[in-house]
C-alpha atoms as a PDB file:
ATOM      1  CA  MET A   1     -11.171   6.252  -4.472  1.00  0.00           C
ATOM      2  CA  ASN A   2      -9.114   9.084  -2.163  1.00  0.00           C
ATOM      3  CA  THR A   3      -7.266  12.275  -4.251  1.00  0.00           C
ATOM      4  CA  ASP A   4      -4.886  10.932  -1.994  1.00  0.00           C
ATOM      5  CA  THR A   5      -4.600   7.291  -4.258  1.00  0.00           C
ATOM      6  CA  THR A   6      -5.615   9.253  -7.067  1.00  0.00           C
ATOM      7  CA  ILE A   7      -2.394  11.117  -6.927  1.00  0.00           C
ATOM      8  CA  LEU A   8      -0.366   8.513  -5.770  1.00  0.00           C
ATOM      9  CA  LYS A   9      -1.387   6.006  -8.814  1.00  0.00           C
ATOM     10  CA  GLY A  10      -0.990   9.669 -11.690  1.00  0.00           C
ATOM     11  CA  VAL A  11       2.483   9.669 -10.367  1.00  0.00           C
ATOM     12  CA  ILE A  12       2.767   5.378 -10.344  1.00  0.00           C
ATOM     13  CA  ARG A  13       1.812   3.853 -13.660  1.00  0.00           C
ATOM     14  CA  PRO A  14       4.338   6.309 -15.870  1.00  0.00           C
ATOM     15  CA  PHE A  15       6.621   4.863 -13.855  1.00  0.00           C
ATOM     16  CA  THR A  16       5.267   0.916 -13.870  1.00  0.00           C
ATOM     17  CA  ALA A  17       4.649   1.556 -17.880  1.00  0.00           C
ATOM     18  CA  SER A  18       8.220   2.436 -18.154  1.00  0.00           C
ATOM     19  CA  LEU A  19       9.698  -1.069 -16.417  1.00  0.00           C
ATOM     20  CA  ARG A  20      10.777  -4.193 -17.463  1.00  0.00           C
ATOM     21  CA  ARG A  21       7.976  -6.506 -17.501  1.00  0.00           C
ATOM     22  CA  GLU A  22       9.927  -9.106 -15.012  1.00  0.00           C
ATOM     23  CA  LEU A  23      10.427  -5.962 -13.243  1.00  0.00           C
ATOM     24  CA  VAL A  24       5.999  -5.024 -13.204  1.00  0.00           C
ATOM     25  CA  GLU A  25       5.770  -8.975 -12.469  1.00  0.00           C
ATOM     26  CA  GLU A  26       7.579  -8.810  -9.453  1.00  0.00           C
ATOM     27  CA  LEU A  27       5.621  -5.754  -8.217  1.00  0.00           C
ATOM     28  CA  SER A  28       2.415  -7.329  -7.917  1.00  0.00           C
ATOM     29  CA  LYS A  29       3.413  -9.691  -5.679  1.00  0.00           C
ATOM     30  CA  ILE A  30       4.566  -7.061  -3.181  1.00  0.00           C
ATOM     31  CA  THR A  31       2.336  -7.371   0.281  1.00  0.00           C
ATOM     32  CA  ALA A  32       3.464  -6.393   4.301  1.00  0.00           C
ATOM     33  CA  SER A  33       5.307  -8.432   6.144  1.00  0.00           C
ATOM     34  CA  PRO A  34       3.726 -11.061   9.003  1.00  0.00           C
ATOM     35  CA  ALA A  35       5.387  -8.379  11.330  1.00  0.00           C
ATOM     36  CA  ASP A  36       3.452  -5.285  10.009  1.00  0.00           C
ATOM     37  CA  GLN A  37       0.510  -7.221   9.355  1.00  0.00           C
ATOM     38  CA  ALA A  38       0.255  -8.352  12.778  1.00  0.00           C
ATOM     39  CA  ARG A  39       0.431  -4.806  14.141  1.00  0.00           C
ATOM     40  CA  TYR A  40      -1.777  -2.757  11.568  1.00  0.00           C
ATOM     41  CA  GLU A  41      -4.864  -5.781  12.809  1.00  0.00           C
ATOM     42  CA  GLU A  42      -3.607  -4.741  16.804  1.00  0.00           C
ATOM     43  CA  LEU A  43      -3.374  -1.220  16.555  1.00  0.00           C
ATOM     44  CA  ALA A  44      -6.936  -1.267  14.636  1.00  0.00           C
ATOM     45  CA  GLU A  45      -8.178  -3.517  16.963  1.00  0.00           C
ATOM     46  CA  LYS A  46      -7.631  -1.453  19.329  1.00  0.00           C
ATOM     47  CA  ASN A  47      -8.508   1.634  17.398  1.00  0.00           C
ATOM     48  CA  THR A  48     -11.621   0.221  16.961  1.00  0.00           C
ATOM     49  CA  GLU A  49     -11.298   0.075  20.726  1.00  0.00           C
ATOM     50  CA  GLY A  50     -10.422   3.704  21.172  1.00  0.00           C
ATOM     51  CA  LYS A  51      -7.579   2.700  23.216  1.00  0.00           C
ATOM     52  CA  LEU A  52      -5.221   3.632  20.840  1.00  0.00           C
ATOM     53  CA  THR A  53      -2.006   6.021  22.308  1.00  0.00           C
ATOM     54  CA  GLU A  54      -1.034   8.383  20.520  1.00  0.00           C
ATOM     55  CA  ALA A  55       1.941   6.867  19.849  1.00  0.00           C
ATOM     56  CA  GLU A  56       0.270   3.844  18.583  1.00  0.00           C
ATOM     57  CA  ARG A  57      -2.066   6.248  16.475  1.00  0.00           C
ATOM     58  CA  GLU A  58       1.126   7.670  15.010  1.00  0.00           C
ATOM     59  CA  GLU A  59       1.867   4.267  13.629  1.00  0.00           C
ATOM     60  CA  LEU A  60      -0.676   3.063  12.802  1.00  0.00           C
ATOM     61  CA  GLU A  61      -1.138   5.656  10.205  1.00  0.00           C
ATOM     62  CA  SER A  62       2.343   4.875   8.675  1.00  0.00           C
ATOM     63  CA  LEU A  63       0.848   1.236   7.759  1.00  0.00           C
ATOM     64  CA  VAL A  64      -2.336   2.327   6.923  1.00  0.00           C
ATOM     65  CA  ASP A  65      -0.132   4.640   4.921  1.00  0.00           C
ATOM     66  CA  ALA A  66       2.466   2.253   3.530  1.00  0.00           C
ATOM     67  CA  HIS A  67      -0.571  -0.112   2.432  1.00  0.00           C
ATOM     68  CA  SER A  68      -2.261   2.344   0.734  1.00  0.00           C
ATOM     69  CA  LEU A  69       1.057   2.719  -1.342  1.00  0.00           C
ATOM     70  CA  ILE A  70       2.060  -1.532  -1.483  1.00  0.00           C
ATOM     71  CA  SER A  71      -1.873  -1.306  -3.293  1.00  0.00           C
ATOM     72  CA  ALA A  72      -1.582   1.638  -5.127  1.00  0.00           C
ATOM     73  CA  LEU A  73       2.154  -0.301  -6.764  1.00  0.00           C
ATOM     74  CA  LYS A  74       0.321  -3.437  -6.714  1.00  0.00           C
ATOM     75  CA  THR A  75      -2.654  -2.670  -8.412  1.00  0.00           C
ATOM     76  CA  GLU A  76      -0.719   0.131 -10.998  1.00  0.00           C
ATOM     77  CA  ALA A  77       1.992  -3.037 -12.171  1.00  0.00           C
ATOM     78  CA  ILE A  78      -1.280  -5.512 -12.408  1.00  0.00           C
ATOM     79  CA  ALA A  79      -2.546  -2.547 -14.427  1.00  0.00           C
ATOM     80  CA  SER A  80       0.929  -1.559 -16.669  1.00  0.00           C
ATOM     81  CA  LEU A  81       0.483  -6.106 -17.463  1.00  0.00           C
ATOM     82  CA  ALA A  82      -2.368  -6.631 -18.732  1.00  0.00           C
ATOM     83  CA  SER A  83      -2.020  -4.080 -21.326  1.00  0.00           C
ATOM     84  CA  ARG A  84       1.019  -5.172 -22.182  1.00  0.00           C
END
């Protein structure tokens, strides 16, 4: 786990612990939209091939950051549900 993810989870944990169970359950179900997922896969493939433009590289980095946030929210929501 990278440092950014560790810090993010440290910030999210107290937040999710204070939420109503119903809201935490909804957080645990968050996913990327099909369009965002498809775009991520397209950019990831171009990245593997070494064919990304600078704008596409920035877009891919933003999608990766968003995925990290979603993953951290889901992980902490699930942990919060398990401890209730």
